[in-house]
Amino acid sequence: EGEGLLYVDGQADVPYVRFSVDCG
């Protein structure tokens, strides 16, 4: 699991992502 800022190609906006990965 993780969270942090993601950068968008060609944009000044820096959105925040939260995610988890279940590999079961």
PDB file of all heavy atoms in Angstrom:
ATOM      1  N   GLU A   1       0.860  -1.183   0.000  1.00  0.00           N
ATOM      2  CA  GLU A   1       0.000   0.000   0.000  1.00  0.00           C
ATOM      3  C   GLU A   1       0.891   1.226   0.000  1.00  0.00           C
ATOM      4  O   GLU A   1       2.052   1.170   0.401  1.00  0.00           O
ATOM      5  CB  GLU A   1      -0.958   0.009   1.181  1.00  0.00           C
ATOM      6  CG  GLU A   1      -0.309  -0.026   2.534  1.00  0.00           C
ATOM      7  CD  GLU A   1      -1.356  -0.092   3.638  1.00  0.00           C
ATOM      8  OE1 GLU A   1      -2.375  -0.756   3.474  1.00  0.00           O
ATOM      9  OE2 GLU A   1      -1.102   0.550   4.679  1.00  0.00           O
ATOM     10  N   GLY A   2       0.325   2.323  -0.481  1.00  0.00           N
ATOM     11  CA  GLY A   2       1.111   3.541  -0.540  1.00  0.00           C
ATOM     12  C   GLY A   2       0.252   4.751  -0.789  1.00  0.00           C
ATOM     13  O   GLY A   2      -0.943   4.652  -1.080  1.00  0.00           O
ATOM     14  N   GLU A   3       0.890   5.907  -0.686  1.00  0.00           N
ATOM     15  CA  GLU A   3       0.230   7.169  -0.987  1.00  0.00           C
ATOM     16  C   GLU A   3       1.284   8.216  -1.256  1.00  0.00           C
ATOM     17  O   GLU A   3       2.413   8.127  -0.784  1.00  0.00           O
ATOM     18  CB  GLU A   3      -0.698   7.600   0.142  1.00  0.00           C
ATOM     19  CG  GLU A   3      -0.025   7.784   1.489  1.00  0.00           C
ATOM     20  CD  GLU A   3      -1.034   8.115   2.574  1.00  0.00           C
ATOM     21  OE1 GLU A   3      -1.323   9.317   2.747  1.00  0.00           O
ATOM     22  OE2 GLU A   3      -1.523   7.183   3.222  1.00  0.00           O
ATOM     23  N   GLY A   4       0.901   9.199  -2.054  1.00  0.00           N
ATOM     24  CA  GLY A   4       1.833  10.272  -2.363  1.00  0.00           C
ATOM     25  C   GLY A   4       1.384  11.074  -3.561  1.00  0.00           C
ATOM     26  O   GLY A   4       0.305  10.874  -4.109  1.00  0.00           O
ATOM     27  N   LEU A   5       2.239  11.989  -3.952  1.00  0.00           N
ATOM     28  CA  LEU A   5       1.952  12.886  -5.071  1.00  0.00           C
ATOM     29  C   LEU A   5       2.328  12.235  -6.393  1.00  0.00           C
ATOM     30  O   LEU A   5       3.361  11.576  -6.496  1.00  0.00           O
ATOM     31  CB  LEU A   5       2.741  14.181  -4.902  1.00  0.00           C
ATOM     32  CG  LEU A   5       2.443  14.980  -3.637  1.00  0.00           C
ATOM     33  CD1 LEU A   5       3.406  16.146  -3.506  1.00  0.00           C
ATOM     34  CD2 LEU A   5       1.002  15.469  -3.646  1.00  0.00           C
ATOM     35  N   LEU A   6       1.482  12.433  -7.383  1.00  0.00           N
ATOM     36  CA  LEU A   6       1.768  11.982  -8.743  1.00  0.00           C
ATOM     37  C   LEU A   6       1.828  13.212  -9.640  1.00  0.00           C
ATOM     38  O   LEU A   6       1.053  14.155  -9.466  1.00  0.00           O
ATOM     39  CB  LEU A   6       0.684  11.040  -9.258  1.00  0.00           C
ATOM     40  CG  LEU A   6       0.579   9.678  -8.589  1.00  0.00           C
ATOM     41  CD1 LEU A   6      -0.526   8.864  -9.244  1.00  0.00           C
ATOM     42  CD2 LEU A   6       1.891   8.921  -8.680  1.00  0.00           C
ATOM     43  N   TYR A   7       2.717  13.196 -10.577  1.00  0.00           N
ATOM     44  CA  TYR A   7       2.875  14.312 -11.498  1.00  0.00           C
ATOM     45  C   TYR A   7       2.177  13.985 -12.802  1.00  0.00           C
ATOM     46  O   TYR A   7       2.157  12.845 -13.241  1.00  0.00           O
ATOM     47  CB  TYR A   7       4.360  14.614 -11.703  1.00  0.00           C
ATOM     48  CG  TYR A   7       4.999  14.994 -10.395  1.00  0.00           C
ATOM     49  CD1 TYR A   7       5.563  14.025  -9.564  1.00  0.00           C
ATOM     50  CD2 TYR A   7       4.976  16.310  -9.956  1.00  0.00           C
ATOM     51  CE1 TYR A   7       6.108  14.374  -8.337  1.00  0.00           C
ATOM     52  CE2 TYR A   7       5.510  16.655  -8.726  1.00  0.00           C
ATOM     53  CZ  TYR A   7       6.074  15.683  -7.921  1.00  0.00           C
ATOM     54  OH  TYR A   7       6.590  16.027  -6.705  1.00  0.00           O
ATOM     55  N   VAL A   8       1.592  14.998 -13.412  1.00  0.00           N
ATOM     56  CA  VAL A   8       0.841  14.824 -14.656  1.00  0.00           C
ATOM     57  C   VAL A   8       1.679  15.409 -15.785  1.00  0.00           C
ATOM     58  O   VAL A   8       2.132  16.552 -15.691  1.00  0.00           O
ATOM     59  CB  VAL A   8      -0.520  15.544 -14.582  1.00  0.00           C
ATOM     60  CG1 VAL A   8      -1.324  15.286 -15.848  1.00  0.00           C
ATOM     61  CG2 VAL A   8      -1.291  15.111 -13.346  1.00  0.00           C
ATOM     62  N   ASP A   9       1.865  14.637 -16.827  1.00  0.00           N
ATOM     63  CA  ASP A   9       2.639  15.113 -17.975  1.00  0.00           C
ATOM     64  C   ASP A   9       2.067  16.428 -18.501  1.00  0.00           C
ATOM     65  O   ASP A   9       0.883  16.518 -18.825  1.00  0.00           O
ATOM     66  CB  ASP A   9       2.625  14.072 -19.099  1.00  0.00           C
ATOM     67  CG  ASP A   9       3.428  12.832 -18.763  1.00  0.00           C
ATOM     68  OD1 ASP A   9       4.143  12.841 -17.744  1.00  0.00           O
ATOM     69  OD2 ASP A   9       3.331  11.855 -19.520  1.00  0.00           O
ATOM     70  N   GLY A  10       2.893  17.466 -18.546  1.00  0.00           N
ATOM     71  CA  GLY A  10       2.514  18.731 -19.128  1.00  0.00           C
ATOM     72  C   GLY A  10       1.600  19.612 -18.296  1.00  0.00           C
ATOM     73  O   GLY A  10       1.077  20.597 -18.794  1.00  0.00           O
ATOM     74  N   GLN A  11       1.379  19.282 -17.027  1.00  0.00           N
ATOM     75  CA  GLN A  11       0.496  20.082 -16.180  1.00  0.00           C
ATOM     76  C   GLN A  11       1.187  20.435 -14.862  1.00  0.00           C
ATOM     77  O   GLN A  11       2.046  19.704 -14.383  1.00  0.00           O
ATOM     78  CB  GLN A  11      -0.793  19.327 -15.866  1.00  0.00           C
ATOM     79  CG  GLN A  11      -1.645  19.067 -17.081  1.00  0.00           C
ATOM     80  CD  GLN A  11      -2.944  18.370 -16.715  1.00  0.00           C
ATOM     81  OE1 GLN A  11      -3.370  18.371 -15.579  1.00  0.00           O
ATOM     82  NE2 GLN A  11      -3.566  17.755 -17.712  1.00  0.00           N
ATOM     83  N   ALA A  12       0.758  21.551 -14.284  1.00  0.00           N
ATOM     84  CA  ALA A  12       1.319  21.978 -13.003  1.00  0.00           C
ATOM     85  C   ALA A  12       0.624  21.304 -11.821  1.00  0.00           C
ATOM     86  O   ALA A  12       1.154  21.278 -10.725  1.00  0.00           O
ATOM     87  CB  ALA A  12       1.210  23.494 -12.863  1.00  0.00           C
ATOM     88  N   ASP A  13      -0.587  20.758 -12.047  1.00  0.00           N
ATOM     89  CA  ASP A  13      -1.316  20.082 -10.966  1.00  0.00           C
ATOM     90  C   ASP A  13      -0.532  18.875 -10.466  1.00  0.00           C
ATOM     91  O   ASP A  13       0.095  18.156 -11.240  1.00  0.00           O
ATOM     92  CB  ASP A  13      -2.681  19.598 -11.450  1.00  0.00           C
ATOM     93  CG  ASP A  13      -3.605  20.731 -11.819  1.00  0.00           C
ATOM     94  OD1 ASP A  13      -3.374  21.860 -11.337  1.00  0.00           O
ATOM     95  OD2 ASP A  13      -4.542  20.488 -12.582  1.00  0.00           O
ATOM     96  N   VAL A  14      -0.585  18.666  -9.163  1.00  0.00           N
ATOM     97  CA  VAL A  14       0.087  17.518  -8.552  1.00  0.00           C
ATOM     98  C   VAL A  14      -0.946  16.786  -7.695  1.00  0.00           C
ATOM     99  O   VAL A  14      -1.106  17.069  -6.517  1.00  0.00           O
ATOM    100  CB  VAL A  14       1.293  17.963  -7.699  1.00  0.00           C
ATOM    101  CG1 VAL A  14       2.040  16.754  -7.162  1.00  0.00           C
ATOM    102  CG2 VAL A  14       2.237  18.832  -8.515  1.00  0.00           C
ATOM    103  N   PRO A  15      -1.689  15.840  -8.294  1.00  0.00           N
ATOM    104  CA  PRO A  15      -2.719  15.134  -7.538  1.00  0.00           C
ATOM    105  C   PRO A  15      -2.136  14.118  -6.565  1.00  0.00           C
ATOM    106  O   PRO A  15      -0.996  13.681  -6.701  1.00  0.00           O
ATOM    107  CB  PRO A  15      -3.544  14.447  -8.619  1.00  0.00           C
ATOM    108  CG  PRO A  15      -2.616  14.309  -9.770  1.00  0.00           C
ATOM    109  CD  PRO A  15      -1.651  15.450  -9.692  1.00  0.00           C
ATOM    110  N   TYR A  16      -2.945  13.755  -5.574  1.00  0.00           N
ATOM    111  CA  TYR A  16      -2.545  12.822  -4.528  1.00  0.00           C
ATOM    112  C   TYR A  16      -3.214  11.471  -4.784  1.00  0.00           C
ATOM    113  O   TYR A  16      -4.391  11.406  -5.120  1.00  0.00           O
ATOM    114  CB  TYR A  16      -2.986  13.384  -3.174  1.00  0.00           C
ATOM    115  CG  TYR A  16      -2.288  12.764  -2.002  1.00  0.00           C
ATOM    116  CD1 TYR A  16      -1.017  13.183  -1.640  1.00  0.00           C
ATOM    117  CD2 TYR A  16      -2.892  11.778  -1.235  1.00  0.00           C
ATOM    118  CE1 TYR A  16      -0.359  12.651  -0.545  1.00  0.00           C
ATOM    119  CE2 TYR A  16      -2.234  11.218  -0.141  1.00  0.00           C
ATOM    120  CZ  TYR A  16      -0.980  11.660   0.186  1.00  0.00           C
ATOM    121  OH  TYR A  16      -0.327  11.115   1.274  1.00  0.00           O
ATOM    122  N   VAL A  17      -2.458  10.405  -4.622  1.00  0.00           N
ATOM    123  CA  VAL A  17      -2.989   9.060  -4.826  1.00  0.00           C
ATOM    124  C   VAL A  17      -2.854   8.257  -3.543  1.00  0.00           C
ATOM    125  O   VAL A  17      -1.897   8.424  -2.790  1.00  0.00           O
ATOM    126  CB  VAL A  17      -2.251   8.329  -5.986  1.00  0.00           C
ATOM    127  CG1 VAL A  17      -0.789   8.083  -5.648  1.00  0.00           C
ATOM    128  CG2 VAL A  17      -2.940   7.030  -6.350  1.00  0.00           C
ATOM    129  N   ARG A  18      -3.845   7.438  -3.277  1.00  0.00           N
ATOM    130  CA  ARG A  18      -3.789   6.422  -2.213  1.00  0.00           C
ATOM    131  C   ARG A  18      -4.123   5.097  -2.874  1.00  0.00           C
ATOM    132  O   ARG A  18      -5.090   5.023  -3.645  1.00  0.00           O
ATOM    133  CB  ARG A  18      -4.812   6.709  -1.117  1.00  0.00           C
ATOM    134  CG  ARG A  18      -4.408   7.811  -0.227  1.00  0.00           C
ATOM    135  CD  ARG A  18      -5.250   7.822   1.059  1.00  0.00           C
ATOM    136  NE  ARG A  18      -4.695   8.805   1.940  1.00  0.00           N
ATOM    137  CZ  ARG A  18      -5.329   9.892   2.351  1.00  0.00           C
ATOM    138  NH1 ARG A  18      -6.570  10.096   1.974  1.00  0.00           N
ATOM    139  NH2 ARG A  18      -4.733  10.747   3.142  1.00  0.00           N
ATOM    140  N   PHE A  19      -3.354   4.059  -2.564  1.00  0.00           N
ATOM    141  CA  PHE A  19      -3.611   2.788  -3.231  1.00  0.00           C
ATOM    142  C   PHE A  19      -3.194   1.610  -2.362  1.00  0.00           C
ATOM    143  O   PHE A  19      -2.392   1.742  -1.441  1.00  0.00           O
ATOM    144  CB  PHE A  19      -2.869   2.719  -4.577  1.00  0.00           C
ATOM    145  CG  PHE A  19      -1.377   2.638  -4.455  1.00  0.00           C
ATOM    146  CD1 PHE A  19      -0.733   1.418  -4.419  1.00  0.00           C
ATOM    147  CD2 PHE A  19      -0.614   3.792  -4.386  1.00  0.00           C
ATOM    148  CE1 PHE A  19       0.652   1.339  -4.295  1.00  0.00           C
ATOM    149  CE2 PHE A  19       0.758   3.736  -4.279  1.00  0.00           C
ATOM    150  CZ  PHE A  19       1.406   2.502  -4.232  1.00  0.00           C
ATOM    151  N   SER A  20      -3.753   0.472  -2.708  1.00  0.00           N
ATOM    152  CA  SER A  20      -3.315  -0.795  -2.141  1.00  0.00           C
ATOM    153  C   SER A  20      -3.318  -1.810  -3.257  1.00  0.00           C
ATOM    154  O   SER A  20      -4.069  -1.698  -4.230  1.00  0.00           O
ATOM    155  CB  SER A  20      -4.218  -1.245  -0.994  1.00  0.00           C
ATOM    156  OG  SER A  20      -5.518  -1.517  -1.465  1.00  0.00           O
ATOM    157  N   VAL A  21      -2.451  -2.792  -3.129  1.00  0.00           N
ATOM    158  CA  VAL A  21      -2.368  -3.878  -4.088  1.00  0.00           C
ATOM    159  C   VAL A  21      -2.456  -5.174  -3.303  1.00  0.00           C
ATOM    160  O   VAL A  21      -1.694  -5.399  -2.364  1.00  0.00           O
ATOM    161  CB  VAL A  21      -1.033  -3.847  -4.876  1.00  0.00           C
ATOM    162  CG1 VAL A  21      -0.956  -5.007  -5.849  1.00  0.00           C
ATOM    163  CG2 VAL A  21      -0.879  -2.530  -5.608  1.00  0.00           C
ATOM    164  N   ASP A  22      -3.427  -6.009  -3.671  1.00  0.00           N
ATOM    165  CA  ASP A  22      -3.581  -7.319  -3.045  1.00  0.00           C
ATOM    166  C   ASP A  22      -3.194  -8.353  -4.083  1.00  0.00           C
ATOM    167  O   ASP A  22      -3.866  -8.498  -5.100  1.00  0.00           O
ATOM    168  CB  ASP A  22      -5.021  -7.520  -2.589  1.00  0.00           C
ATOM    169  CG  ASP A  22      -5.235  -8.852  -1.905  1.00  0.00           C
ATOM    170  OD1 ASP A  22      -4.284  -9.656  -1.801  1.00  0.00           O
ATOM    171  OD2 ASP A  22      -6.369  -9.112  -1.475  1.00  0.00           O
ATOM    172  N   CYS A  23      -2.096  -9.041  -3.830  1.00  0.00           N
ATOM    173  CA  CYS A  23      -1.605 -10.035  -4.778  1.00  0.00           C
ATOM    174  C   CYS A  23      -2.139 -11.424  -4.476  1.00  0.00           C
ATOM    175  O   CYS A  23      -1.803 -12.383  -5.162  1.00  0.00           O
ATOM    176  CB  CYS A  23      -0.084 -10.036  -4.774  1.00  0.00           C
ATOM    177  SG  CYS A  23       0.625  -8.464  -5.306  1.00  0.00           S
ATOM    178  N   GLY A  24      -2.963 -11.529  -3.422  1.00  0.00           N
ATOM    179  CA  GLY A  24      -3.683 -12.715  -3.004  1.00  0.00           C
ATOM    180  C   GLY A  24      -2.992 -13.973  -3.219  1.00  0.00           C
ATOM    181  O   GLY A  24      -3.263 -15.044  -3.258  1.00  0.00           O
TER     182      GLY A  24
END
